[in-house]
Amino acid sequence: VQLQASGGGLVQAGGSLRLSCAASGRTFSIMGWFRQAPGKEREFVAAHTWVDSSTRYGDSVKGRFTISRDNANNTVHLQMNSLKPDDSAVYYCAAVRYFRGLPSRPNEYDLWGQGTLVTVSS
């Protein structure tokens, strides 16, 4: 059972990137994204559940990022638009096996993928 993240890279401020996270070995009720910049705590970015297709976003990304899920491929995507230098971080996908709302704290997630680096230049 693992999560495989992809799609990070270097982009100029105002640009867009799309991250993807594929789950293998199990279906998870909730999949989400966190990010961590150097010297900072891990920050909640977004979460999605297939139970009712609801989503939740961190305040700093609302209106700019969109999380979506491809249930057929057990994959979650994070479309990031209007990127800012402050969005630069290692982005981690995470998953929760059983639905219990849309958690925003790292310790509420059961499985983590490897990080993918996003760098936004000014």
C-alpha atoms as a PDB file:
ATOM      1  CA  VAL A   1       0.000   0.000   0.000  1.00  0.00           C
ATOM      2  CA  GLN A   2       1.532   3.278  -1.013  1.00  0.00           C
ATOM      3  CA  LEU A   3       0.925   6.774  -2.313  1.00  0.00           C
ATOM      4  CA  GLN A   4       2.954   8.066  -5.219  1.00  0.00           C
ATOM      5  CA  ALA A   5       3.042  11.826  -5.749  1.00  0.00           C
ATOM      6  CA  SER A   6       4.147  13.578  -8.910  1.00  0.00           C
ATOM      7  CA  GLY A   7       3.968  16.900 -10.716  1.00  0.00           C
ATOM      8  CA  GLY A   8       6.146  19.250  -8.746  1.00  0.00           C
ATOM      9  CA  GLY A   9       8.575  21.646 -10.358  1.00  0.00           C
ATOM     10  CA  LEU A  10       9.661  25.226 -10.850  1.00  0.00           C
ATOM     11  CA  VAL A  11       7.155  27.851 -11.943  1.00  0.00           C
ATOM     12  CA  GLN A  12       7.024  31.623 -12.024  1.00  0.00           C
ATOM     13  CA  ALA A  13       4.711  33.559  -9.757  1.00  0.00           C
ATOM     14  CA  GLY A  14       1.227  33.684 -11.242  1.00  0.00           C
ATOM     15  CA  GLY A  15       1.696  30.380 -12.985  1.00  0.00           C
ATOM     16  CA  SER A  16       0.049  27.003 -12.490  1.00  0.00           C
ATOM     17  CA  LEU A  17       1.047  23.473 -11.613  1.00  0.00           C
ATOM     18  CA  ARG A  18      -0.896  20.245 -11.246  1.00  0.00           C
ATOM     19  CA  LEU A  19       0.091  17.660  -8.680  1.00  0.00           C
ATOM     20  CA  SER A  20      -1.132  14.081  -8.750  1.00  0.00           C
ATOM     21  CA  CYS A  21      -1.121  11.342  -6.155  1.00  0.00           C
ATOM     22  CA  ALA A  22      -1.899   7.745  -7.039  1.00  0.00           C
ATOM     23  CA  ALA A  23      -2.876   5.260  -4.360  1.00  0.00           C
ATOM     24  CA  SER A  24      -2.111   1.606  -4.843  1.00  0.00           C
ATOM     25  CA  GLY A  25      -3.077  -1.442  -2.869  1.00  0.00           C
ATOM     26  CA  ARG A  26      -6.146   0.017  -1.181  1.00  0.00           C
ATOM     27  CA  THR A  27      -8.965   2.504  -1.635  1.00  0.00           C
ATOM     28  CA  PHE A  28      -8.999   5.404   0.786  1.00  0.00           C
ATOM     29  CA  SER A  29     -12.079   7.373   1.804  1.00  0.00           C
ATOM     30  CA  ILE A  30     -10.151  10.627   2.041  1.00  0.00           C
ATOM     31  CA  MET A  31      -7.116  11.840   0.148  1.00  0.00           C
ATOM     32  CA  GLY A  32      -5.460  15.143   0.716  1.00  0.00           C
ATOM     33  CA  TRP A  33      -2.421  17.359   0.443  1.00  0.00           C
ATOM     34  CA  PHE A  34      -0.147  19.028   2.945  1.00  0.00           C
ATOM     35  CA  ARG A  35       2.928  21.138   2.409  1.00  0.00           C
ATOM     36  CA  GLN A  36       6.002  21.966   4.396  1.00  0.00           C
ATOM     37  CA  ALA A  37       8.408  24.806   3.779  1.00  0.00           C
ATOM     38  CA  PRO A  38      11.882  24.874   5.359  1.00  0.00           C
ATOM     39  CA  GLY A  39      11.711  25.747   9.031  1.00  0.00           C
ATOM     40  CA  LYS A  40       7.910  25.635   9.104  1.00  0.00           C
ATOM     41  CA  GLU A  41       5.338  23.171  10.327  1.00  0.00           C
ATOM     42  CA  ARG A  42       3.461  20.923   7.961  1.00  0.00           C
ATOM     43  CA  GLU A  43       0.455  22.853   6.684  1.00  0.00           C
ATOM     44  CA  PHE A  44      -2.904  21.513   5.514  1.00  0.00           C
ATOM     45  CA  VAL A  45      -3.646  22.355   1.889  1.00  0.00           C
ATOM     46  CA  ALA A  46      -6.718  20.429   0.752  1.00  0.00           C
ATOM     47  CA  ALA A  47      -8.696  17.229   1.198  1.00  0.00           C
ATOM     48  CA  HIS A  48     -11.353  15.353  -0.760  1.00  0.00           C
ATOM     49  CA  THR A  49     -13.630  12.462   0.066  1.00  0.00           C
ATOM     50  CA  TRP A  50     -15.386  10.227  -2.446  1.00  0.00           C
ATOM     51  CA  VAL A  51     -18.119   9.542   0.137  1.00  0.00           C
ATOM     52  CA  ASP A  52     -19.991  12.698  -0.846  1.00  0.00           C
ATOM     53  CA  SER A  53     -17.391  14.434  -3.056  1.00  0.00           C
ATOM     54  CA  SER A  54     -16.938  17.167  -0.480  1.00  0.00           C
ATOM     55  CA  THR A  55     -13.725  19.148  -0.234  1.00  0.00           C
ATOM     56  CA  ARG A  56     -11.900  21.255   2.298  1.00  0.00           C
ATOM     57  CA  TYR A  57      -9.137  23.821   1.783  1.00  0.00           C
ATOM     58  CA  GLY A  58      -6.610  25.611   3.887  1.00  0.00           C
ATOM     59  CA  ASP A  59      -7.240  29.332   4.178  1.00  0.00           C
ATOM     60  CA  SER A  60      -4.084  30.280   2.324  1.00  0.00           C
ATOM     61  CA  VAL A  61      -5.066  28.410  -0.854  1.00  0.00           C
ATOM     62  CA  LYS A  62      -8.817  28.953  -1.035  1.00  0.00           C
ATOM     63  CA  GLY A  63      -9.887  30.242  -4.427  1.00  0.00           C
ATOM     64  CA  ARG A  64      -6.562  29.331  -6.053  1.00  0.00           C
ATOM     65  CA  PHE A  65      -6.199  25.583  -5.583  1.00  0.00           C
ATOM     66  CA  THR A  66      -8.655  22.870  -6.552  1.00  0.00           C
ATOM     67  CA  ILE A  67      -8.566  19.278  -5.412  1.00  0.00           C
ATOM     68  CA  SER A  68     -10.247  16.579  -7.451  1.00  0.00           C
ATOM     69  CA  ARG A  69     -10.311  12.831  -7.514  1.00  0.00           C
ATOM     70  CA  ASP A  70     -10.295  10.234 -10.247  1.00  0.00           C
ATOM     71  CA  ASN A  71     -11.990   7.329  -8.515  1.00  0.00           C
ATOM     72  CA  ALA A  72     -11.416   4.944 -11.386  1.00  0.00           C
ATOM     73  CA  ASN A  73      -7.683   5.357 -11.001  1.00  0.00           C
ATOM     74  CA  ASN A  74      -7.638   5.967  -7.245  1.00  0.00           C
ATOM     75  CA  THR A  75      -5.821   9.207  -7.893  1.00  0.00           C
ATOM     76  CA  VAL A  76      -6.193  12.679  -6.449  1.00  0.00           C
ATOM     77  CA  HIS A  77      -5.104  15.835  -8.243  1.00  0.00           C
ATOM     78  CA  LEU A  78      -4.269  19.286  -6.945  1.00  0.00           C
ATOM     79  CA  GLN A  79      -4.612  22.061  -9.507  1.00  0.00           C
ATOM     80  CA  MET A  80      -2.646  25.053  -8.285  1.00  0.00           C
ATOM     81  CA  ASN A  81      -3.284  28.398  -9.966  1.00  0.00           C
ATOM     82  CA  SER A  82      -2.083  31.938  -9.289  1.00  0.00           C
ATOM     83  CA  LEU A  83       0.934  30.549  -7.522  1.00  0.00           C
ATOM     84  CA  LYS A  84       2.904  32.762  -5.171  1.00  0.00           C
ATOM     85  CA  PRO A  85       6.448  32.454  -3.840  1.00  0.00           C
ATOM     86  CA  ASP A  86       4.914  31.632  -0.442  1.00  0.00           C
ATOM     87  CA  ASP A  87       3.476  28.473  -2.008  1.00  0.00           C
ATOM     88  CA  SER A  88       6.987  27.082  -2.376  1.00  0.00           C
ATOM     89  CA  ALA A  89       7.286  23.931  -0.295  1.00  0.00           C
ATOM     90  CA  VAL A  90       7.499  20.182  -0.397  1.00  0.00           C
ATOM     91  CA  TYR A  91       3.985  18.943  -1.032  1.00  0.00           C
ATOM     92  CA  TYR A  92       2.889  15.638   0.488  1.00  0.00           C
ATOM     93  CA  CYS A  93      -0.166  13.601  -0.336  1.00  0.00           C
ATOM     94  CA  ALA A  94      -1.863  11.725   2.448  1.00  0.00           C
ATOM     95  CA  ALA A  95      -4.817   9.415   2.868  1.00  0.00           C
ATOM     96  CA  VAL A  96      -7.347   8.245   5.414  1.00  0.00           C
ATOM     97  CA  ARG A  97      -8.859   4.811   5.114  1.00  0.00           C
ATOM     98  CA  TYR A  98     -12.220   5.316   6.792  1.00  0.00           C
ATOM     99  CA  PHE A  99     -14.386   8.403   6.472  1.00  0.00           C
ATOM    100  CA  ARG A 100     -14.525  10.576   9.565  1.00  0.00           C
ATOM    101  CA  GLY A 101     -15.055  14.041   8.186  1.00  0.00           C
ATOM    102  CA  LEU A 102     -12.333  15.932   6.349  1.00  0.00           C
ATOM    103  CA  PRO A 103      -9.386  16.182   8.708  1.00  0.00           C
ATOM    104  CA  SER A 104      -6.829  18.958   8.526  1.00  0.00           C
ATOM    105  CA  ARG A 105      -4.251  17.760  11.029  1.00  0.00           C
ATOM    106  CA  PRO A 106      -1.358  15.560   9.927  1.00  0.00           C
ATOM    107  CA  ASN A 107      -1.853  13.055  12.747  1.00  0.00           C
ATOM    108  CA  GLU A 108      -5.342  12.291  11.455  1.00  0.00           C
ATOM    109  CA  TYR A 109      -3.999  10.763   8.260  1.00  0.00           C
ATOM    110  CA  ASP A 110      -3.083   7.090   8.004  1.00  0.00           C
ATOM    111  CA  LEU A 111      -0.652   6.998   5.104  1.00  0.00           C
ATOM    112  CA  TRP A 112       1.756   9.435   3.509  1.00  0.00           C
ATOM    113  CA  GLY A 113       3.427   9.602   0.153  1.00  0.00           C
ATOM    114  CA  GLN A 114       6.858  10.929  -0.606  1.00  0.00           C
ATOM    115  CA  GLY A 115       7.040  14.672  -1.096  1.00  0.00           C
ATOM    116  CA  THR A 116       7.222  16.543  -4.357  1.00  0.00           C
ATOM    117  CA  LEU A 117       8.968  19.903  -4.456  1.00  0.00           C
ATOM    118  CA  VAL A 118       7.188  22.998  -5.717  1.00  0.00           C
ATOM    119  CA  THR A 119       9.245  26.129  -6.207  1.00  0.00           C
ATOM    120  CA  VAL A 120       7.611  29.408  -7.202  1.00  0.00           C
ATOM    121  CA  SER A 121      10.001  32.103  -8.347  1.00  0.00           C
ATOM    122  CA  SER A 122       9.205  35.804  -8.001  1.00  0.00           C
END
